[in-house]
Each structure stands twice: as structure tokens, then as C-alpha cells.
Amino acid sequence: MSEQNKKLNTACSELKNHLTFFDNVASIIENARKFVGRTADLTLCVTYYEIGRMIVEEEQGGKARAEYGKSLLKELSIFLKSRIGKGFSESNLRNARKFYQIYSPSIQQLMTAKLGEVGKFEIQQLLTAKSRKSQLLTDLFKISWTHYVVLMRIENDAERSFYELEAVKNQWSVEDLKRQFSTSLYERLALSRDKNEVMRLANEGLTVKKPSDLLKNPLVLDFLDMEEHTAYSETDLEEAIISKLQQFLLELGKGFLFEARQKRFTFQEKHFKVDLVTYNRLLKCYVVIDFKKDELTHQDLGQMQMYVHYFDRHVKTEEENPTVGILICGKKDDAIVELTLPEGENIYASEYSLYLPDKSLLQSKLAQWIEEFEAVQTILKIAKGGDDE
């Protein structure tokens, strides 16, 4: 090896060592920032929780304090601003009170289960505890105070529980949380499930164990920036989705990977094209997708059936699960879908919307759906009882 090459190799080795060193230093700083940020989040949550507890206990101090309680937050805010400074407005103090009222039952339950302590154990003691108690903080408050402020605006307990679970599991930012709530993720998932599955959403969050777990009704494609009433074709819709593929896959749900668009295959000398071919790593199966701008027809369902069967017989391996077909359409008739498809077929239809759905409308639909479901269950139970007699 020439002297020049030796010097070059030495320089490269030194540069590599320097880059490794630089990367290690940067990692320490990044981890420190995360630690400081998480510590600050925990401190805020503990502080506001304890302020909320003290406010609630002061307000509940008996009839003699009833009148005083009406002006408590206002006077407390004035006092704290003069003594401590900004950050303790009446609205912030109301948030602290609501935080305690909403979360104290579950927090007290967890603390009792973990520590075996009941009563007025003051949670701020965990900040300075050197034992296993300090670790308990991360179990009590898994997200930031700002996340909790967003969650507290959700009145429905089951819905709030769902968004909290998903925020923790998926490490949603505050903006992610706001986005999912504004697109009515909970209602759209719930309307695609039976009542037992709706309860599972509240208790476990979204778990993808079977193809129907992927369904949302409708899919919200507002990120395409397409006007609802502007004339466009299915090709225009597909082109817009491909240009925003990352957002589309996120809207589809968990575990989706892109494989191909306009996937061509030939069968008996006839050529066919699938609009979009994806793979879901959680379900370990292909998911083929077709876009239909207008109302779904039985012919569309029959065509998707052929696509799914082709992939099952000629593409998927023995280790993979059966292919899933999803038709994304402007409008669907559930009766037509049910009548056309054989029972157990892995084919689903979901409507899409180019704008954010009306949340109150979806909520009323969900409430009506649950009421109807419970009425049917009651009738079936009575009928079963009559048969037994």
C-alpha cells in the first residue's frame, strides 16, 4: 500500500472516530432534553393535580363556605399572580379543578394498588421520593399537561379514555391528538363495530387483530385539499391520494405499507389493474384497495372479489393471512354490500369525505346506533327466555 493511501485510510479512520464521538455527545444532549422535558411535564401534572385537589376540598368545606366558594378561583388567581406571577389565571385553575375531578378516581385506585396506601397521601411527595414511589409518577401521568387539557374538553368518558390510550400508545403530539379528535376518529371507528367492540375501544384503544378492526366510516381525506362539489374523476382522486400517500396510509390505520399503484395482473388473457396494493404488517396480509367516486354497485363488489381471490391464489404465501379488499367510495348501501358478498368474505366498503365530518352528527348517529343495538339485544333476550319456558 502506498504512503498516500495509508494517510488517506488514517484520515478516514480518524474522521469516523470523530463522527462517532460527535454522535455520542449529541445523543447525551438529546436524551437530557427529553429527560428535562418529561420531568417538567410530570411536575406540571402533579402541581395542577394537587392544586385541583386543594380547590375541591376547599369548595366542599361546608355550607358556611358556599358563598365564599363562588369567588374562590377569582381571588386565588389574583393572589397567585401577585405572589408568583403568570400562569395561574382563573381558566387554568378551573382546568386544575377539572383535572382532579376527572382523574382522581383512577389515580387513587392505581396508587392504592401500587403502594397499598389509602387516604390523603399527597401526590407531590412522589416528586422527591427516592424509592419506587418516584417511578409511580410515570404510571400516573403518561402524557403532558397540554395533552390532558385537550382531553378534558371531551365530555364522554369512553371517548376520552380512547384518545388518551391512543395518545400514549402512538406517542401522539398535542397536534396529532387535536387532529384525530377533530376528524372524529372515535366515532368513525365505533360506527364500524358492534357494541362490544365499541367498549373495547374505550378500554384498550384501537387494537388490530382482524380485518374489520381497520374500518373507519367515513375515511376523512381533507388533506387532499379537493373541493367537495368540484367535478373530478376517479383518476383525479387516485392521483391526489398518491401525492399525499403518507397522510393517506396514516388515515387508513395502523401497520399499512405501500407496495404498488395500478398493479396489473393477467388472467385468462385478460388484463386487470388494482388501484392500490398495500400490505398490513400487523395482520400479515395484502390489502387491495379500489377507489369509486360515486355510489358503490354490486358490480364493483364482484370485481373486488375477483381481485381478492387472485391475490389469495397467486400472490400470497402460505405463511400470510387471506387478502383483504377495501372499496373506498362516495356512497354505499350496506344492504347491497351484505346481499352481494358471501358471509365471511374479507371485503369491506368505506365511504370517504373530503372535509372534516360533522362531529355532533356522528355522535348522534353513534348514540342512536347503540340505543337500537341495546333494544335488539333486549328483544332477543326476552324471546330466548320465552323459548326456555
Protein backbone atom coordinates (compact mmCIF):
# COMPACT_ATOMS: atom_id res chain seq x y z
CA MET A 1 0.00 0.00 0.00
CA SER A 2 1.36 3.42 -0.96
CA GLU A 3 2.14 6.09 1.63
CA GLN A 4 -0.63 8.26 0.21
CA ASN A 5 -3.21 5.51 0.63
CA LYS A 6 -2.06 4.89 4.21
CA LYS A 7 -2.52 8.57 5.04
CA LEU A 8 -5.94 8.52 3.38
CA ASN A 9 -7.03 5.45 5.41
CA THR A 10 -5.74 7.02 8.61
CA ALA A 11 -7.64 10.25 7.88
CA CYS A 12 -10.84 8.29 7.16
CA SER A 13 -10.46 6.30 10.37
CA GLU A 14 -9.93 9.47 12.41
CA LEU A 15 -12.92 11.13 10.75
CA LYS A 16 -15.06 8.08 11.54
CA ASN A 17 -13.96 8.18 15.20
CA HIS A 18 -14.69 11.90 15.36
CA LEU A 19 -18.17 11.41 13.89
CA THR A 20 -18.87 8.63 16.40
CA PHE A 21 -17.71 10.88 19.21
CA PHE A 22 -19.83 13.78 17.94
CA ASP A 23 -22.85 11.50 17.63
CA ASN A 24 -22.40 10.21 21.20
CA VAL A 25 -22.20 13.75 22.57
CA ALA A 26 -25.29 14.79 20.62
CA SER A 27 -27.18 11.73 21.93
CA ILE A 28 -26.38 12.69 25.53
CA ILE A 29 -27.75 16.20 24.94
CA GLU A 30 -30.88 14.89 23.19
CA ASN A 31 -31.56 12.38 25.97
CA ALA A 32 -31.00 15.06 28.60
CA ARG A 33 -33.50 17.33 26.86
CA LYS A 34 -36.05 14.52 26.75
CA PHE A 35 -35.48 13.85 30.45
CA VAL A 36 -35.84 17.51 31.36
CA GLY A 37 -38.94 17.81 29.20
CA ARG A 38 -40.53 14.71 30.71
CA THR A 39 -39.63 15.84 34.22
CA ALA A 40 -41.18 19.23 33.54
CA ASP A 41 -44.34 17.54 32.23
CA LEU A 42 -44.60 15.36 35.34
CA THR A 43 -44.04 18.35 37.61
CA LEU A 44 -46.80 20.31 35.86
CA CYS A 45 -49.24 17.40 36.09
CA VAL A 46 -48.52 16.85 39.78
CA THR A 47 -48.76 20.56 40.53
CA TYR A 48 -52.09 21.05 38.80
CA TYR A 49 -53.48 17.81 40.23
CA GLU A 50 -52.65 18.94 43.77
CA ILE A 51 -53.99 22.45 43.15
CA GLY A 52 -57.19 20.87 41.87
CA ARG A 53 -57.43 18.65 44.95
CA MET A 54 -56.97 21.59 47.30
CA ILE A 55 -59.57 23.67 45.44
CA VAL A 56 -62.13 20.86 45.51
CA GLU A 57 -61.59 20.20 49.21
CA GLU A 58 -61.81 23.92 50.00
CA GLU A 59 -65.02 24.31 47.98
CA GLN A 60 -66.57 21.30 49.71
CA GLY A 61 -65.80 22.66 53.16
CA GLY A 62 -69.45 23.01 54.18
CA LYS A 63 -72.37 25.36 53.75
CA ALA A 64 -70.55 28.17 55.53
CA ARG A 65 -68.13 28.31 52.61
CA ALA A 66 -70.72 28.11 49.83
CA GLU A 67 -70.78 31.83 49.11
CA TYR A 68 -67.02 32.09 49.55
CA GLY A 69 -66.57 29.24 47.06
CA LYS A 70 -68.20 31.24 44.28
CA SER A 71 -65.36 33.75 44.29
CA LEU A 72 -62.60 31.35 45.36
CA LEU A 73 -60.94 30.87 41.96
CA LYS A 74 -61.03 34.57 41.14
CA GLU A 75 -59.45 35.60 44.44
CA LEU A 76 -56.93 32.74 44.37
CA SER A 77 -55.88 33.75 40.85
CA ILE A 78 -55.32 37.37 41.92
CA PHE A 79 -53.26 36.24 44.93
CA LEU A 80 -51.09 33.80 42.92
CA LYS A 81 -50.43 36.36 40.18
CA SER A 82 -49.22 38.89 42.74
CA ARG A 83 -47.04 36.41 44.60
CA ILE A 84 -45.83 34.00 41.91
CA GLY A 85 -46.54 35.62 38.54
CA LYS A 86 -48.19 34.47 35.33
CA GLY A 87 -49.66 31.03 34.68
CA PHE A 88 -52.46 30.92 37.23
CA SER A 89 -55.45 32.51 35.54
CA GLU A 90 -58.99 31.56 36.52
CA SER A 91 -59.23 29.31 33.46
CA ASN A 92 -56.03 27.47 34.44
CA LEU A 93 -57.35 26.99 37.96
CA ARG A 94 -60.64 25.68 36.56
CA ASN A 95 -58.61 23.22 34.46
CA ALA A 96 -56.75 22.11 37.59
CA ARG A 97 -60.03 21.51 39.42
CA LYS A 98 -61.48 19.59 36.47
CA PHE A 99 -58.25 17.58 36.13
CA TYR A 100 -58.57 16.38 39.71
CA GLN A 101 -62.29 15.69 39.39
CA ILE A 102 -61.86 13.59 36.24
CA TYR A 103 -58.67 11.70 37.07
CA SER A 104 -58.60 11.37 40.86
CA PRO A 105 -60.64 8.10 40.98
CA SER A 106 -58.30 6.23 38.61
CA ILE A 107 -55.16 7.80 40.11
CA GLN A 108 -56.18 6.96 43.68
CA GLN A 109 -57.03 3.42 42.59
CA LEU A 110 -53.64 2.96 40.93
CA MET A 111 -51.78 4.46 43.87
CA THR A 112 -53.59 2.14 46.28
CA ALA A 113 -52.84 -0.87 44.06
CA LYS A 114 -49.15 0.03 43.68
CA LEU A 115 -48.41 1.34 47.18
CA GLY A 116 -51.13 -0.18 49.32
CA GLU A 117 -51.81 3.27 50.75
CA VAL A 118 -55.26 4.71 51.21
CA GLY A 119 -56.26 8.18 52.31
CA LYS A 120 -54.71 11.57 51.88
CA PHE A 121 -51.34 10.58 50.56
CA GLU A 122 -50.21 13.80 48.89
CA ILE A 123 -49.09 13.05 45.40
CA GLN A 124 -46.43 15.80 45.31
CA GLN A 125 -44.39 13.66 47.72
CA LEU A 126 -43.61 11.44 44.74
CA LEU A 127 -41.53 14.23 43.17
CA THR A 128 -38.87 13.98 45.89
CA ALA A 129 -39.26 10.29 46.74
CA LYS A 130 -36.13 8.21 46.19
CA SER A 131 -37.88 4.86 46.22
CA ARG A 132 -40.22 3.01 43.92
CA LYS A 133 -42.74 5.76 44.60
CA SER A 134 -40.94 8.16 42.27
CA GLN A 135 -41.30 5.67 39.39
CA LEU A 136 -45.04 5.63 40.00
CA LEU A 137 -45.30 9.15 38.57
CA THR A 138 -44.67 7.89 35.04
CA ASP A 139 -47.52 5.39 35.51
CA LEU A 140 -49.88 8.05 36.85
CA PHE A 141 -49.23 10.71 34.21
CA LYS A 142 -48.18 9.20 30.89
CA ILE A 143 -48.67 12.29 28.74
CA SER A 144 -48.10 16.02 29.08
CA TRP A 145 -50.28 18.55 30.85
CA THR A 146 -51.17 20.08 27.47
CA HIS A 147 -52.45 16.68 26.31
CA TYR A 148 -54.65 16.48 29.39
CA VAL A 149 -56.03 19.98 28.75
CA VAL A 150 -57.18 18.79 25.30
CA LEU A 151 -58.61 15.55 26.70
CA MET A 152 -60.58 17.34 29.42
CA ARG A 153 -62.64 19.07 26.74
CA ILE A 154 -64.10 15.65 25.84
CA GLU A 155 -67.25 15.10 27.89
CA ASN A 156 -67.85 11.44 27.02
CA ASP A 157 -65.79 9.22 29.35
CA ALA A 158 -65.39 6.35 26.88
CA GLU A 159 -64.30 8.70 24.10
CA ARG A 160 -61.81 10.47 26.37
CA SER A 161 -60.38 7.14 27.50
CA PHE A 162 -59.91 6.04 23.88
CA TYR A 163 -58.00 9.17 22.86
CA GLU A 164 -55.83 9.00 25.97
CA LEU A 165 -54.91 5.36 25.31
CA GLU A 166 -54.12 6.09 21.67
CA ALA A 167 -52.06 9.18 22.55
CA VAL A 168 -49.94 7.08 24.93
CA LYS A 169 -49.57 4.05 22.63
CA ASN A 170 -48.76 6.05 19.50
CA GLN A 171 -46.83 8.85 21.21
CA TRP A 172 -49.10 11.44 19.63
CA SER A 173 -48.02 15.04 19.83
CA VAL A 174 -50.63 17.53 21.04
CA GLU A 175 -51.27 18.47 17.39
CA ASP A 176 -51.73 14.79 16.49
CA LEU A 177 -54.27 14.44 19.30
CA LYS A 178 -56.17 17.53 18.17
CA ARG A 179 -56.14 16.28 14.58
CA GLN A 180 -57.52 12.83 15.48
CA PHE A 181 -60.22 14.35 17.68
CA SER A 182 -61.24 16.93 15.07
CA THR A 183 -61.59 14.15 12.47
CA SER A 184 -63.85 12.21 14.91
CA LEU A 185 -61.65 9.12 14.89
CA TYR A 186 -63.50 7.54 17.81
CA GLU A 187 -66.97 7.91 16.28
CA ARG A 188 -65.80 6.75 12.85
CA LEU A 189 -64.25 3.62 14.32
CA ALA A 190 -67.17 2.99 16.65
CA LEU A 191 -69.75 3.20 13.86
CA SER A 192 -67.97 0.32 12.09
CA ARG A 193 -68.23 -2.01 15.10
CA ASP A 194 -70.73 -3.77 17.32
CA LYS A 195 -71.36 -2.55 20.87
CA ASN A 196 -68.86 -4.93 22.48
CA GLU A 197 -66.17 -3.69 20.12
CA VAL A 198 -67.07 -0.09 20.97
CA MET A 199 -66.45 -0.85 24.65
CA ARG A 200 -63.12 -2.40 23.73
CA LEU A 201 -62.13 0.85 22.03
CA ALA A 202 -62.67 2.68 25.32
CA ASN A 203 -60.83 0.09 27.43
CA GLU A 204 -57.97 -0.90 25.12
CA GLY A 205 -57.76 1.71 22.37
CA LEU A 206 -57.51 0.55 18.77
CA THR A 207 -56.11 -2.98 18.54
CA VAL A 208 -55.74 -4.53 15.08
CA LYS A 209 -56.44 -8.25 15.40
CA LYS A 210 -58.79 -8.85 12.47
CA PRO A 211 -59.54 -7.11 9.15
CA SER A 212 -62.68 -5.35 10.41
CA ASP A 213 -60.54 -3.55 13.01
CA LEU A 214 -59.15 -1.45 10.15
CA LEU A 215 -62.51 0.05 9.24
CA LYS A 216 -63.46 3.71 9.67
CA ASN A 217 -66.66 5.20 8.42
CA PRO A 218 -66.09 7.58 6.77
CA LEU A 219 -62.43 7.92 5.82
CA VAL A 220 -61.53 11.62 6.04
CA LEU A 221 -59.42 12.81 3.11
CA ASP A 222 -59.43 16.53 3.90
CA PHE A 223 -55.63 16.63 3.45
CA LEU A 224 -56.16 16.24 -0.31
CA ASP A 225 -57.40 19.84 -0.50
CA MET A 226 -60.05 18.88 -3.06
CA GLU A 227 -63.33 20.78 -3.16
CA GLU A 228 -66.34 18.61 -2.35
CA HIS A 229 -68.54 19.84 -5.20
CA THR A 230 -65.84 20.34 -7.84
CA ALA A 231 -66.01 17.94 -10.80
CA TYR A 232 -63.26 15.31 -10.57
CA SER A 233 -62.76 11.76 -11.78
CA GLU A 234 -61.65 8.61 -10.01
CA THR A 235 -58.26 9.10 -11.64
CA ASP A 236 -58.06 12.61 -10.15
CA LEU A 237 -58.91 11.18 -6.73
CA GLU A 238 -56.27 8.47 -7.06
CA GLU A 239 -53.62 10.95 -8.24
CA ALA A 240 -54.36 13.22 -5.28
CA ILE A 241 -54.09 10.31 -2.84
CA ILE A 242 -50.79 9.13 -4.30
CA SER A 243 -49.39 12.66 -3.98
CA LYS A 244 -50.28 12.56 -0.27
CA LEU A 245 -49.58 8.87 0.23
CA GLN A 246 -48.09 9.16 3.72
CA GLN A 247 -51.15 11.01 5.06
CA PHE A 248 -53.45 8.52 3.32
CA LEU A 249 -51.73 5.48 4.87
CA LEU A 250 -51.95 7.12 8.29
CA GLU A 251 -55.66 7.74 7.77
CA LEU A 252 -56.14 4.10 6.71
CA GLY A 253 -54.83 2.97 10.08
CA LYS A 254 -52.04 1.08 11.78
CA GLY A 255 -49.46 -1.08 10.05
CA PHE A 256 -50.02 -0.15 6.39
CA LEU A 257 -47.13 -0.35 3.91
CA PHE A 258 -47.31 0.77 0.29
CA GLU A 259 -46.49 -1.78 -2.41
CA ALA A 260 -47.85 -0.60 -5.77
CA ARG A 261 -50.40 1.53 -7.58
CA GLN A 262 -52.29 0.42 -10.69
CA LYS A 263 -50.98 -3.11 -10.06
CA ARG A 264 -51.51 -5.04 -13.27
CA PHE A 265 -52.18 -8.75 -13.49
CA THR A 266 -53.32 -11.02 -16.32
CA PHE A 267 -55.79 -13.86 -16.00
CA GLN A 268 -57.00 -15.93 -18.94
CA GLU A 269 -55.50 -13.40 -21.37
CA LYS A 270 -57.45 -10.54 -19.81
CA HIS A 271 -55.69 -7.65 -18.10
CA PHE A 272 -56.81 -6.09 -14.83
CA LYS A 273 -55.49 -3.28 -12.64
CA VAL A 274 -55.87 -2.78 -8.91
CA ASP A 275 -55.84 0.90 -7.92
CA LEU A 276 -53.65 0.41 -4.86
CA VAL A 277 -51.89 -2.56 -3.30
CA THR A 278 -50.75 -2.30 0.31
CA TYR A 279 -49.55 -4.72 2.96
CA ASN A 280 -50.56 -4.67 6.61
CA ARG A 281 -47.74 -5.89 8.81
CA LEU A 282 -50.00 -6.31 11.87
CA LEU A 283 -52.46 -8.57 10.07
CA LYS A 284 -49.70 -10.08 7.89
CA CYS A 285 -51.75 -9.87 4.72
CA TYR A 286 -52.19 -7.97 1.47
CA VAL A 287 -54.81 -5.23 1.43
CA VAL A 288 -56.00 -4.32 -2.07
CA ILE A 289 -57.86 -1.03 -2.48
CA ASP A 290 -60.10 0.33 -5.21
CA PHE A 291 -61.49 3.87 -5.42
CA LYS A 292 -65.06 4.54 -6.52
CA LYS A 293 -66.00 8.21 -6.74
CA ASP A 294 -69.76 7.59 -6.77
CA GLU A 295 -72.16 5.12 -5.18
CA LEU A 296 -70.91 1.55 -4.83
CA THR A 297 -72.57 -1.08 -7.05
CA HIS A 298 -72.75 -4.86 -6.84
CA GLN A 299 -70.51 -4.97 -9.94
CA ASP A 300 -67.81 -3.10 -8.01
CA LEU A 301 -68.08 -5.65 -5.20
CA GLY A 302 -67.86 -8.54 -7.65
CA GLN A 303 -64.73 -7.07 -9.23
CA MET A 304 -63.10 -6.69 -5.81
CA GLN A 305 -64.00 -10.30 -5.06
CA MET A 306 -62.02 -11.34 -8.13
CA TYR A 307 -59.02 -9.23 -7.07
CA VAL A 308 -59.01 -10.74 -3.59
CA HIS A 309 -59.30 -14.30 -4.87
CA TYR A 310 -56.50 -13.72 -7.39
CA PHE A 311 -54.14 -12.47 -4.68
CA ASP A 312 -55.07 -15.33 -2.39
CA ARG A 313 -54.42 -17.95 -5.05
CA HIS A 314 -51.48 -16.48 -6.96
CA VAL A 315 -49.67 -13.91 -4.80
CA LYS A 316 -49.84 -14.56 -1.06
CA THR A 317 -47.59 -17.17 0.55
CA GLU A 318 -48.69 -19.97 2.88
CA GLU A 319 -47.38 -18.04 5.89
CA GLU A 320 -49.53 -15.00 5.10
CA ASN A 321 -53.16 -14.46 6.05
CA PRO A 322 -56.00 -14.14 3.49
CA THR A 323 -56.09 -10.98 1.40
CA VAL A 324 -58.37 -8.12 2.42
CA GLY A 325 -60.23 -5.94 -0.08
CA ILE A 326 -61.37 -2.39 0.69
CA LEU A 327 -63.59 -0.34 -1.59
CA ILE A 328 -63.39 3.39 -0.84
CA CYS A 329 -66.48 5.00 -2.30
CA GLY A 330 -68.53 8.18 -2.32
CA LYS A 331 -71.59 6.36 -1.03
CA LYS A 332 -72.53 2.83 -0.04
CA ASP A 333 -75.67 0.89 0.73
CA ASP A 334 -74.98 -1.63 3.50
CA ALA A 335 -77.87 -3.81 2.35
CA ILE A 336 -76.34 -4.14 -1.15
CA VAL A 337 -72.94 -4.98 0.34
CA GLU A 338 -74.41 -7.62 2.64
CA LEU A 339 -76.56 -9.16 -0.09
CA THR A 340 -73.77 -9.28 -2.68
CA LEU A 341 -70.92 -10.71 -0.62
CA PRO A 342 -70.83 -14.23 0.82
CA GLU A 343 -70.69 -14.41 4.60
CA GLY A 344 -67.12 -14.28 5.90
CA GLU A 345 -65.69 -12.60 2.78
CA ASN A 346 -62.73 -10.32 3.60
CA ILE A 347 -64.15 -7.41 1.61
CA TYR A 348 -65.26 -4.12 3.12
CA ALA A 349 -66.64 -0.83 1.89
CA SER A 350 -65.96 2.54 3.44
CA GLU A 351 -67.26 5.94 2.41
CA TYR A 352 -64.85 8.86 2.14
CA SER A 353 -65.27 12.53 2.91
CA LEU A 354 -63.19 15.40 1.52
CA TYR A 355 -63.88 17.57 4.54
CA LEU A 356 -63.99 17.15 8.31
CA PRO A 357 -67.19 15.35 9.34
CA ASP A 358 -69.85 16.96 11.50
CA LYS A 359 -68.85 15.66 14.93
CA SER A 360 -72.23 16.28 16.53
CA LEU A 361 -73.93 14.38 13.70
CA LEU A 362 -71.60 11.40 14.12
CA GLN A 363 -72.15 11.46 17.88
CA SER A 364 -75.92 11.40 17.46
CA LYS A 365 -75.62 8.55 14.94
CA LEU A 366 -73.47 6.58 17.37
CA ALA A 367 -75.88 7.19 20.27
CA GLN A 368 -78.83 6.09 18.10
CA TRP A 369 -76.91 3.03 16.89
CA ILE A 370 -76.08 1.94 20.46
CA GLU A 371 -79.70 2.50 21.54
CA GLU A 372 -81.01 0.39 18.66
CA PHE A 373 -78.42 -2.33 19.38
CA GLU A 374 -79.44 -2.49 23.04
CA ALA A 375 -83.14 -2.63 22.08
CA VAL A 376 -82.49 -5.59 19.75
CA GLN A 377 -80.46 -7.36 22.44
CA THR A 378 -83.30 -6.87 24.94
CA ILE A 379 -85.86 -8.30 22.48
CA LEU A 380 -83.62 -11.30 21.78
CA LYS A 381 -83.14 -11.90 25.48
CA ILE A 382 -86.90 -11.81 26.11
CA ALA A 383 -87.52 -14.11 23.15
CA LYS A 384 -84.90 -16.55 24.39
CA GLY A 385 -86.47 -16.53 27.85
CA GLY A 386 -89.87 -17.26 26.31
CA ASP A 387 -88.43 -20.22 24.38
CA ASP A 388 -86.88 -21.59 27.56
CA GLU A 389 -90.25 -21.51 29.26
